[in-house]
Amino acid sequence: RPFFQFLFAILLHLTWFIKRLPLPQFSAHNF
């Protein structure tokens, strides 16, 4: 858990930054 939380917290903030850019939005609820 400590390793995963550290690693994915970094990836989460990168993903969050990319999603906040003025780019076309998408979602995939079923997947």
PDB file of all heavy atoms in Angstrom:
ATOM      1  N   ARG A   1       0.796  -1.222   0.000  1.00  0.00           N
ATOM      2  CA  ARG A   1       0.000   0.000   0.000  1.00  0.00           C
ATOM      3  C   ARG A   1       0.839   1.289   0.000  1.00  0.00           C
ATOM      4  O   ARG A   1       0.570   2.187  -0.816  1.00  0.00           O
ATOM      5  CB  ARG A   1      -0.965   0.009   1.186  1.00  0.00           C
ATOM      6  CG  ARG A   1      -1.840   1.265   1.268  1.00  0.00           C
ATOM      7  CD  ARG A   1      -2.611   1.306   2.580  1.00  0.00           C
ATOM      8  NE  ARG A   1      -1.714   1.325   3.722  1.00  0.00           N
ATOM      9  CZ  ARG A   1      -1.149   2.414   4.224  1.00  0.00           C
ATOM     10  NH1 ARG A   1      -1.366   3.596   3.664  1.00  0.00           N
ATOM     11  NH2 ARG A   1      -0.354   2.340   5.268  1.00  0.00           N
ATOM     12  N   PRO A   2       1.847   1.433   0.861  1.00  0.00           N
ATOM     13  CA  PRO A   2       2.625   2.689   0.845  1.00  0.00           C
ATOM     14  C   PRO A   2       3.260   2.974  -0.515  1.00  0.00           C
ATOM     15  O   PRO A   2       3.264   4.120  -0.984  1.00  0.00           O
ATOM     16  CB  PRO A   2       3.691   2.455   1.927  1.00  0.00           C
ATOM     17  CG  PRO A   2       3.088   1.448   2.836  1.00  0.00           C
ATOM     18  CD  PRO A   2       2.300   0.542   1.949  1.00  0.00           C
ATOM     19  N   PHE A   3       3.775   1.914  -1.154  1.00  0.00           N
ATOM     20  CA  PHE A   3       4.394   2.093  -2.469  1.00  0.00           C
ATOM     21  C   PHE A   3       3.353   2.486  -3.501  1.00  0.00           C
ATOM     22  O   PHE A   3       3.554   3.432  -4.276  1.00  0.00           O
ATOM     23  CB  PHE A   3       5.097   0.805  -2.892  1.00  0.00           C
ATOM     24  CG  PHE A   3       5.575   0.826  -4.319  1.00  0.00           C
ATOM     25  CD1 PHE A   3       6.695   1.563  -4.692  1.00  0.00           C
ATOM     26  CD2 PHE A   3       4.894   0.109  -5.295  1.00  0.00           C
ATOM     27  CE1 PHE A   3       7.123   1.597  -6.016  1.00  0.00           C
ATOM     28  CE2 PHE A   3       5.325   0.125  -6.617  1.00  0.00           C
ATOM     29  CZ  PHE A   3       6.440   0.869  -6.973  1.00  0.00           C
ATOM     30  N   PHE A   4       2.219   1.768  -3.532  1.00  0.00           N
ATOM     31  CA  PHE A   4       1.174   2.060  -4.503  1.00  0.00           C
ATOM     32  C   PHE A   4       0.592   3.463  -4.297  1.00  0.00           C
ATOM     33  O   PHE A   4       0.335   4.190  -5.264  1.00  0.00           O
ATOM     34  CB  PHE A   4       0.059   1.016  -4.430  1.00  0.00           C
ATOM     35  CG  PHE A   4       0.409  -0.293  -5.089  1.00  0.00           C
ATOM     36  CD1 PHE A   4      -0.116  -1.492  -4.618  1.00  0.00           C
ATOM     37  CD2 PHE A   4       1.251  -0.333  -6.182  1.00  0.00           C
ATOM     38  CE1 PHE A   4       0.206  -2.694  -5.222  1.00  0.00           C
ATOM     39  CE2 PHE A   4       1.574  -1.535  -6.794  1.00  0.00           C
ATOM     40  CZ  PHE A   4       1.052  -2.720  -6.307  1.00  0.00           C
ATOM     41  N   GLN A   5       0.369   3.837  -3.054  1.00  0.00           N
ATOM     42  CA  GLN A   5      -0.203   5.157  -2.794  1.00  0.00           C
ATOM     43  C   GLN A   5       0.744   6.266  -3.239  1.00  0.00           C
ATOM     44  O   GLN A   5       0.306   7.286  -3.779  1.00  0.00           O
ATOM     45  CB  GLN A   5      -0.541   5.305  -1.307  1.00  0.00           C
ATOM     46  CG  GLN A   5      -1.837   4.619  -0.907  1.00  0.00           C
ATOM     47  CD  GLN A   5      -2.295   5.010   0.478  1.00  0.00           C
ATOM     48  OE1 GLN A   5      -1.488   5.378   1.327  1.00  0.00           O
ATOM     49  NE2 GLN A   5      -3.584   4.918   0.722  1.00  0.00           N
ATOM     50  N   PHE A   6       2.027   6.080  -3.011  1.00  0.00           N
ATOM     51  CA  PHE A   6       3.011   7.079  -3.438  1.00  0.00           C
ATOM     52  C   PHE A   6       3.055   7.171  -4.960  1.00  0.00           C
ATOM     53  O   PHE A   6       2.986   8.258  -5.537  1.00  0.00           O
ATOM     54  CB  PHE A   6       4.381   6.723  -2.879  1.00  0.00           C
ATOM     55  CG  PHE A   6       5.485   7.628  -3.362  1.00  0.00           C
ATOM     56  CD1 PHE A   6       5.636   8.908  -2.843  1.00  0.00           C
ATOM     57  CD2 PHE A   6       6.363   7.211  -4.361  1.00  0.00           C
ATOM     58  CE1 PHE A   6       6.649   9.755  -3.303  1.00  0.00           C
ATOM     59  CE2 PHE A   6       7.377   8.048  -4.823  1.00  0.00           C
ATOM     60  CZ  PHE A   6       7.508   9.324  -4.288  1.00  0.00           C
ATOM     61  N   LEU A   7       3.165   6.004  -5.615  1.00  0.00           N
ATOM     62  CA  LEU A   7       3.269   5.979  -7.072  1.00  0.00           C
ATOM     63  C   LEU A   7       2.016   6.520  -7.746  1.00  0.00           C
ATOM     64  O   LEU A   7       2.084   7.401  -8.613  1.00  0.00           O
ATOM     65  CB  LEU A   7       3.548   4.546  -7.544  1.00  0.00           C
ATOM     66  CG  LEU A   7       3.549   4.315  -9.063  1.00  0.00           C
ATOM     67  CD1 LEU A   7       4.667   5.109  -9.724  1.00  0.00           C
ATOM     68  CD2 LEU A   7       3.693   2.820  -9.362  1.00  0.00           C
ATOM     69  N   PHE A   8       0.859   6.015  -7.321  1.00  0.00           N
ATOM     70  CA  PHE A   8      -0.374   6.404  -8.001  1.00  0.00           C
ATOM     71  C   PHE A   8      -0.846   7.796  -7.609  1.00  0.00           C
ATOM     72  O   PHE A   8      -1.626   8.411  -8.342  1.00  0.00           O
ATOM     73  CB  PHE A   8      -1.463   5.360  -7.743  1.00  0.00           C
ATOM     74  CG  PHE A   8      -1.264   4.092  -8.534  1.00  0.00           C
ATOM     75  CD1 PHE A   8      -0.765   2.950  -7.924  1.00  0.00           C
ATOM     76  CD2 PHE A   8      -1.546   4.052  -9.885  1.00  0.00           C
ATOM     77  CE1 PHE A   8      -0.563   1.784  -8.648  1.00  0.00           C
ATOM     78  CE2 PHE A   8      -1.351   2.889 -10.620  1.00  0.00           C
ATOM     79  CZ  PHE A   8      -0.856   1.759 -10.000  1.00  0.00           C
ATOM     80  N   ALA A   9      -0.394   8.314  -6.471  1.00  0.00           N
ATOM     81  CA  ALA A   9      -0.707   9.701  -6.131  1.00  0.00           C
ATOM     82  C   ALA A   9      -0.037  10.647  -7.129  1.00  0.00           C
ATOM     83  O   ALA A   9      -0.636  11.648  -7.555  1.00  0.00           O
ATOM     84  CB  ALA A   9      -0.255  10.015  -4.713  1.00  0.00           C
ATOM     85  N   ILE A  10       1.192  10.316  -7.507  1.00  0.00           N
ATOM     86  CA  ILE A  10       1.892  11.116  -8.515  1.00  0.00           C
ATOM     87  C   ILE A  10       1.179  11.014  -9.867  1.00  0.00           C
ATOM     88  O   ILE A  10       0.917  12.027 -10.534  1.00  0.00           O
ATOM     89  CB  ILE A  10       3.359  10.658  -8.648  1.00  0.00           C
ATOM     90  CG1 ILE A  10       4.116  10.908  -7.347  1.00  0.00           C
ATOM     91  CG2 ILE A  10       4.044  11.385  -9.817  1.00  0.00           C
ATOM     92  CD1 ILE A  10       5.517  10.352  -7.331  1.00  0.00           C
ATOM     93  N   LEU A  11       0.840   9.796 -10.261  1.00  0.00           N
ATOM     94  CA  LEU A  11       0.136   9.594 -11.534  1.00  0.00           C
ATOM     95  C   LEU A  11      -1.231  10.256 -11.523  1.00  0.00           C
ATOM     96  O   LEU A  11      -1.682  10.790 -12.550  1.00  0.00           O
ATOM     97  CB  LEU A  11      -0.001   8.096 -11.819  1.00  0.00           C
ATOM     98  CG  LEU A  11       1.293   7.331 -12.107  1.00  0.00           C
ATOM     99  CD1 LEU A  11       1.008   5.845 -12.275  1.00  0.00           C
ATOM    100  CD2 LEU A  11       1.974   7.878 -13.362  1.00  0.00           C
ATOM    101  N   LEU A  12      -1.888  10.232 -10.360  1.00  0.00           N
ATOM    102  CA  LEU A  12      -3.207  10.855 -10.250  1.00  0.00           C
ATOM    103  C   LEU A  12      -3.129  12.353 -10.513  1.00  0.00           C
ATOM    104  O   LEU A  12      -3.947  12.906 -11.257  1.00  0.00           O
ATOM    105  CB  LEU A  12      -3.794  10.586  -8.864  1.00  0.00           C
ATOM    106  CG  LEU A  12      -5.122  11.284  -8.542  1.00  0.00           C
ATOM    107  CD1 LEU A  12      -6.217  10.832  -9.500  1.00  0.00           C
ATOM    108  CD2 LEU A  12      -5.538  11.022  -7.093  1.00  0.00           C
ATOM    109  N   HIS A  13      -2.143  13.013  -9.927  1.00  0.00           N
ATOM    110  CA  HIS A  13      -2.025  14.453 -10.116  1.00  0.00           C
ATOM    111  C   HIS A  13      -1.642  14.803 -11.561  1.00  0.00           C
ATOM    112  O   HIS A  13      -2.082  15.829 -12.093  1.00  0.00           O
ATOM    113  CB  HIS A  13      -0.998  15.033  -9.136  1.00  0.00           C
ATOM    114  CG  HIS A  13      -1.533  15.194  -7.746  1.00  0.00           C
ATOM    115  ND1 HIS A  13      -1.668  14.120  -6.879  1.00  0.00           N
ATOM    116  CD2 HIS A  13      -1.987  16.288  -7.083  1.00  0.00           C
ATOM    117  CE1 HIS A  13      -2.173  14.564  -5.739  1.00  0.00           C
ATOM    118  NE2 HIS A  13      -2.379  15.867  -5.838  1.00  0.00           N
ATOM    119  N   LEU A  14      -0.859  13.939 -12.199  1.00  0.00           N
ATOM    120  CA  LEU A  14      -0.545  14.151 -13.614  1.00  0.00           C
ATOM    121  C   LEU A  14      -1.790  13.984 -14.475  1.00  0.00           C
ATOM    122  O   LEU A  14      -2.039  14.775 -15.405  1.00  0.00           O
ATOM    123  CB  LEU A  14       0.547  13.169 -14.058  1.00  0.00           C
ATOM    124  CG  LEU A  14       1.956  13.421 -13.506  1.00  0.00           C
ATOM    125  CD1 LEU A  14       2.893  12.302 -13.923  1.00  0.00           C
ATOM    126  CD2 LEU A  14       2.494  14.774 -13.993  1.00  0.00           C
ATOM    127  N   THR A  15      -2.575  12.956 -14.174  1.00  0.00           N
ATOM    128  CA  THR A  15      -3.818  12.724 -14.913  1.00  0.00           C
ATOM    129  C   THR A  15      -4.784  13.875 -14.698  1.00  0.00           C
ATOM    130  O   THR A  15      -5.427  14.351 -15.643  1.00  0.00           O
ATOM    131  CB  THR A  15      -4.471  11.401 -14.460  1.00  0.00           C
ATOM    132  OG1 THR A  15      -3.532  10.331 -14.573  1.00  0.00           O
ATOM    133  CG2 THR A  15      -5.693  11.080 -15.311  1.00  0.00           C
ATOM    134  N   TRP A  16      -4.882  14.319 -13.449  1.00  0.00           N
ATOM    135  CA  TRP A  16      -5.750  15.450 -13.110  1.00  0.00           C
ATOM    136  C   TRP A  16      -5.337  16.706 -13.890  1.00  0.00           C
ATOM    137  O   TRP A  16      -6.188  17.433 -14.410  1.00  0.00           O
ATOM    138  CB  TRP A  16      -5.682  15.690 -11.608  1.00  0.00           C
ATOM    139  CG  TRP A  16      -6.312  16.946 -11.086  1.00  0.00           C
ATOM    140  CD1 TRP A  16      -5.676  18.061 -10.637  1.00  0.00           C
ATOM    141  CD2 TRP A  16      -7.711  17.219 -10.938  1.00  0.00           C
ATOM    142  NE1 TRP A  16      -6.573  19.005 -10.215  1.00  0.00           N
ATOM    143  CE2 TRP A  16      -7.838  18.518 -10.391  1.00  0.00           C
ATOM    144  CE3 TRP A  16      -8.869  16.493 -11.218  1.00  0.00           C
ATOM    145  CZ2 TRP A  16      -9.071  19.098 -10.109  1.00  0.00           C
ATOM    146  CZ3 TRP A  16     -10.104  17.084 -10.941  1.00  0.00           C
ATOM    147  CH2 TRP A  16     -10.184  18.353 -10.397  1.00  0.00           C
ATOM    148  N   PHE A  17      -4.044  16.943 -13.995  1.00  0.00           N
ATOM    149  CA  PHE A  17      -3.541  18.109 -14.737  1.00  0.00           C
ATOM    150  C   PHE A  17      -3.920  18.017 -16.214  1.00  0.00           C
ATOM    151  O   PHE A  17      -4.396  18.985 -16.810  1.00  0.00           O
ATOM    152  CB  PHE A  17      -2.028  18.212 -14.588  1.00  0.00           C
ATOM    153  CG  PHE A  17      -1.404  19.270 -15.453  1.00  0.00           C
ATOM    154  CD1 PHE A  17      -1.517  20.619 -15.129  1.00  0.00           C
ATOM    155  CD2 PHE A  17      -0.713  18.922 -16.612  1.00  0.00           C
ATOM    156  CE1 PHE A  17      -0.955  21.606 -15.946  1.00  0.00           C
ATOM    157  CE2 PHE A  17      -0.151  19.891 -17.424  1.00  0.00           C
ATOM    158  CZ  PHE A  17      -0.277  21.239 -17.095  1.00  0.00           C
ATOM    159  N   ILE A  18      -3.739  16.829 -16.789  1.00  0.00           N
ATOM    160  CA  ILE A  18      -4.060  16.642 -18.210  1.00  0.00           C
ATOM    161  C   ILE A  18      -5.557  16.827 -18.454  1.00  0.00           C
ATOM    162  O   ILE A  18      -5.987  17.450 -19.431  1.00  0.00           O
ATOM    163  CB  ILE A  18      -3.589  15.254 -18.690  1.00  0.00           C
ATOM    164  CG1 ILE A  18      -2.057  15.177 -18.645  1.00  0.00           C
ATOM    165  CG2 ILE A  18      -4.100  14.962 -20.094  1.00  0.00           C
ATOM    166  CD1 ILE A  18      -1.499  13.803 -18.922  1.00  0.00           C
ATOM    167  N   LYS A  19      -6.371  16.283 -17.544  1.00  0.00           N
ATOM    168  CA  LYS A  19      -7.822  16.391 -17.703  1.00  0.00           C
ATOM    169  C   LYS A  19      -8.294  17.838 -17.572  1.00  0.00           C
ATOM    170  O   LYS A  19      -9.353  18.198 -18.091  1.00  0.00           O
ATOM    171  CB  LYS A  19      -8.540  15.527 -16.670  1.00  0.00           C
ATOM    172  CG  LYS A  19      -8.302  14.035 -16.823  1.00  0.00           C
ATOM    173  CD  LYS A  19      -9.041  13.451 -18.013  1.00  0.00           C
ATOM    174  CE  LYS A  19     -10.502  13.288 -17.735  1.00  0.00           C
ATOM    175  NZ  LYS A  19     -11.196  12.485 -18.785  1.00  0.00           N
ATOM    176  N   ARG A  20      -7.523  18.655 -16.869  1.00  0.00           N
ATOM    177  CA  ARG A  20      -7.916  20.054 -16.686  1.00  0.00           C
ATOM    178  C   ARG A  20      -7.518  20.939 -17.870  1.00  0.00           C
ATOM    179  O   ARG A  20      -7.931  22.097 -17.951  1.00  0.00           O
ATOM    180  CB  ARG A  20      -7.278  20.622 -15.404  1.00  0.00           C
ATOM    181  CG  ARG A  20      -7.640  19.915 -14.127  1.00  0.00           C
ATOM    182  CD  ARG A  20      -9.131  19.880 -13.877  1.00  0.00           C
ATOM    183  NE  ARG A  20      -9.708  21.214 -13.728  1.00  0.00           N
ATOM    184  CZ  ARG A  20     -11.011  21.454 -13.585  1.00  0.00           C
ATOM    185  NH1 ARG A  20     -11.862  20.440 -13.609  1.00  0.00           N
ATOM    186  NH2 ARG A  20     -11.444  22.680 -13.443  1.00  0.00           N
ATOM    187  N   LEU A  21      -6.735  20.405 -18.782  1.00  0.00           N
ATOM    188  CA  LEU A  21      -6.341  21.173 -19.964  1.00  0.00           C
ATOM    189  C   LEU A  21      -7.551  21.383 -20.880  1.00  0.00           C
ATOM    190  O   LEU A  21      -8.489  20.576 -20.876  1.00  0.00           O
ATOM    191  CB  LEU A  21      -5.228  20.451 -20.722  1.00  0.00           C
ATOM    192  CG  LEU A  21      -3.879  20.330 -20.006  1.00  0.00           C
ATOM    193  CD1 LEU A  21      -2.918  19.500 -20.845  1.00  0.00           C
ATOM    194  CD2 LEU A  21      -3.286  21.709 -19.713  1.00  0.00           C
ATOM    195  N   PRO A  22      -7.566  22.437 -21.688  1.00  0.00           N
ATOM    196  CA  PRO A  22      -8.709  22.705 -22.591  1.00  0.00           C
ATOM    197  C   PRO A  22      -8.722  21.748 -23.775  1.00  0.00           C
ATOM    198  O   PRO A  22      -8.522  22.136 -24.935  1.00  0.00           O
ATOM    199  CB  PRO A  22      -8.470  24.155 -23.019  1.00  0.00           C
ATOM    200  CG  PRO A  22      -6.985  24.334 -22.939  1.00  0.00           C
ATOM    201  CD  PRO A  22      -6.553  23.522 -21.747  1.00  0.00           C
ATOM    202  N   LEU A  23      -8.933  20.475 -23.471  1.00  0.00           N
ATOM    203  CA  LEU A  23      -8.982  19.429 -24.486  1.00  0.00           C
ATOM    204  C   LEU A  23     -10.377  18.817 -24.510  1.00  0.00           C
ATOM    205  O   LEU A  23     -11.136  18.963 -23.544  1.00  0.00           O
ATOM    206  CB  LEU A  23      -7.947  18.335 -24.163  1.00  0.00           C
ATOM    207  CG  LEU A  23      -6.482  18.777 -24.102  1.00  0.00           C
ATOM    208  CD1 LEU A  23      -5.619  17.630 -23.579  1.00  0.00           C
ATOM    209  CD2 LEU A  23      -6.002  19.235 -25.470  1.00  0.00           C
ATOM    210  N   PRO A  24     -10.745  18.136 -25.604  1.00  0.00           N
ATOM    211  CA  PRO A  24     -12.050  17.460 -25.647  1.00  0.00           C
ATOM    212  C   PRO A  24     -12.181  16.464 -24.486  1.00  0.00           C
ATOM    213  O   PRO A  24     -11.256  15.706 -24.194  1.00  0.00           O
ATOM    214  CB  PRO A  24     -12.031  16.746 -27.004  1.00  0.00           C
ATOM    215  CG  PRO A  24     -11.056  17.522 -27.821  1.00  0.00           C
ATOM    216  CD  PRO A  24      -9.999  17.997 -26.872  1.00  0.00           C
ATOM    217  N   GLN A  25     -13.329  16.475 -23.814  1.00  0.00           N
ATOM    218  CA  GLN A  25     -13.561  15.602 -22.672  1.00  0.00           C
ATOM    219  C   GLN A  25     -14.155  14.268 -23.125  1.00  0.00           C
ATOM    220  O   GLN A  25     -14.887  14.192 -24.115  1.00  0.00           O
ATOM    221  CB  GLN A  25     -14.503  16.277 -21.680  1.00  0.00           C
ATOM    222  CG  GLN A  25     -13.889  17.479 -20.983  1.00  0.00           C
ATOM    223  CD  GLN A  25     -12.717  17.072 -20.108  1.00  0.00           C
ATOM    224  OE1 GLN A  25     -12.864  16.306 -19.156  1.00  0.00           O
ATOM    225  NE2 GLN A  25     -11.545  17.577 -20.446  1.00  0.00           N
ATOM    226  N   PHE A  26     -13.834  13.216 -22.398  1.00  0.00           N
ATOM    227  CA  PHE A  26     -14.387  11.906 -22.695  1.00  0.00           C
ATOM    228  C   PHE A  26     -14.616  11.165 -21.376  1.00  0.00           C
ATOM    229  O   PHE A  26     -14.032  11.488 -20.343  1.00  0.00           O
ATOM    230  CB  PHE A  26     -13.442  11.095 -23.583  1.00  0.00           C
ATOM    231  CG  PHE A  26     -12.143  10.728 -22.905  1.00  0.00           C
ATOM    232  CD1 PHE A  26     -12.026   9.524 -22.217  1.00  0.00           C
ATOM    233  CD2 PHE A  26     -11.050  11.580 -22.940  1.00  0.00           C
ATOM    234  CE1 PHE A  26     -10.832   9.184 -21.582  1.00  0.00           C
ATOM    235  CE2 PHE A  26      -9.862  11.261 -22.314  1.00  0.00           C
ATOM    236  CZ  PHE A  26      -9.748  10.054 -21.632  1.00  0.00           C
ATOM    237  N   SER A  27     -15.484  10.179 -21.430  1.00  0.00           N
ATOM    238  CA  SER A  27     -15.725   9.320 -20.274  1.00  0.00           C
ATOM    239  C   SER A  27     -16.030   7.915 -20.779  1.00  0.00           C
ATOM    240  O   SER A  27     -16.409   7.728 -21.941  1.00  0.00           O
ATOM    241  CB  SER A  27     -16.891   9.846 -19.433  1.00  0.00           C
ATOM    242  OG  SER A  27     -18.095   9.829 -20.177  1.00  0.00           O
ATOM    243  N   ALA A  28     -15.846   6.944 -19.904  1.00  0.00           N
ATOM    244  CA  ALA A  28     -16.110   5.544 -20.258  1.00  0.00           C
ATOM    245  C   ALA A  28     -16.659   4.844 -19.018  1.00  0.00           C
ATOM    246  O   ALA A  28     -15.984   4.053 -18.374  1.00  0.00           O
ATOM    247  CB  ALA A  28     -14.840   4.866 -20.764  1.00  0.00           C
ATOM    248  N   HIS A  29     -17.897   5.167 -18.687  1.00  0.00           N
ATOM    249  CA  HIS A  29     -18.499   4.655 -17.463  1.00  0.00           C
ATOM    250  C   HIS A  29     -18.615   3.133 -17.470  1.00  0.00           C
ATOM    251  O   HIS A  29     -18.316   2.475 -16.460  1.00  0.00           O
ATOM    252  CB  HIS A  29     -19.885   5.274 -17.259  1.00  0.00           C
ATOM    253  CG  HIS A  29     -19.842   6.745 -17.003  1.00  0.00           C
ATOM    254  ND1 HIS A  29     -20.979   7.528 -16.886  1.00  0.00           N
ATOM    255  CD2 HIS A  29     -18.792   7.599 -16.844  1.00  0.00           C
ATOM    256  CE1 HIS A  29     -20.632   8.786 -16.664  1.00  0.00           C
ATOM    257  NE2 HIS A  29     -19.321   8.853 -16.643  1.00  0.00           N
ATOM    258  N   ASN A  30     -19.067   2.568 -18.560  1.00  0.00           N
ATOM    259  CA  ASN A  30     -19.264   1.117 -18.613  1.00  0.00           C
ATOM    260  C   ASN A  30     -17.948   0.364 -18.448  1.00  0.00           C
ATOM    261  O   ASN A  30     -17.873  -0.630 -17.711  1.00  0.00           O
ATOM    262  CB  ASN A  30     -19.940   0.718 -19.927  1.00  0.00           C
ATOM    263  CG  ASN A  30     -21.393   1.122 -19.987  1.00  0.00           C
ATOM    264  OD1 ASN A  30     -22.040   1.304 -18.954  1.00  0.00           O
ATOM    265  ND2 ASN A  30     -21.924   1.262 -21.185  1.00  0.00           N
ATOM    266  N   PHE A  31     -16.923   0.828 -19.128  1.00  0.00           N
ATOM    267  CA  PHE A  31     -15.621   0.171 -18.993  1.00  0.00           C
ATOM    268  C   PHE A  31     -15.094   0.319 -17.573  1.00  0.00           C
ATOM    269  O   PHE A  31     -14.523  -0.622 -17.007  1.00  0.00           O
ATOM    270  CB  PHE A  31     -14.627   0.781 -19.984  1.00  0.00           C
ATOM    271  CG  PHE A  31     -13.246   0.194 -19.892  1.00  0.00           C
ATOM    272  CD1 PHE A  31     -12.980  -1.071 -20.407  1.00  0.00           C
ATOM    273  CD2 PHE A  31     -12.213   0.898 -19.287  1.00  0.00           C
ATOM    274  CE1 PHE A  31     -11.711  -1.623 -20.324  1.00  0.00           C
ATOM    275  CE2 PHE A  31     -10.935   0.357 -19.193  1.00  0.00           C
ATOM    276  CZ  PHE A  31     -10.686  -0.909 -19.706  1.00  0.00           C
TER     277      PHE A  31
END
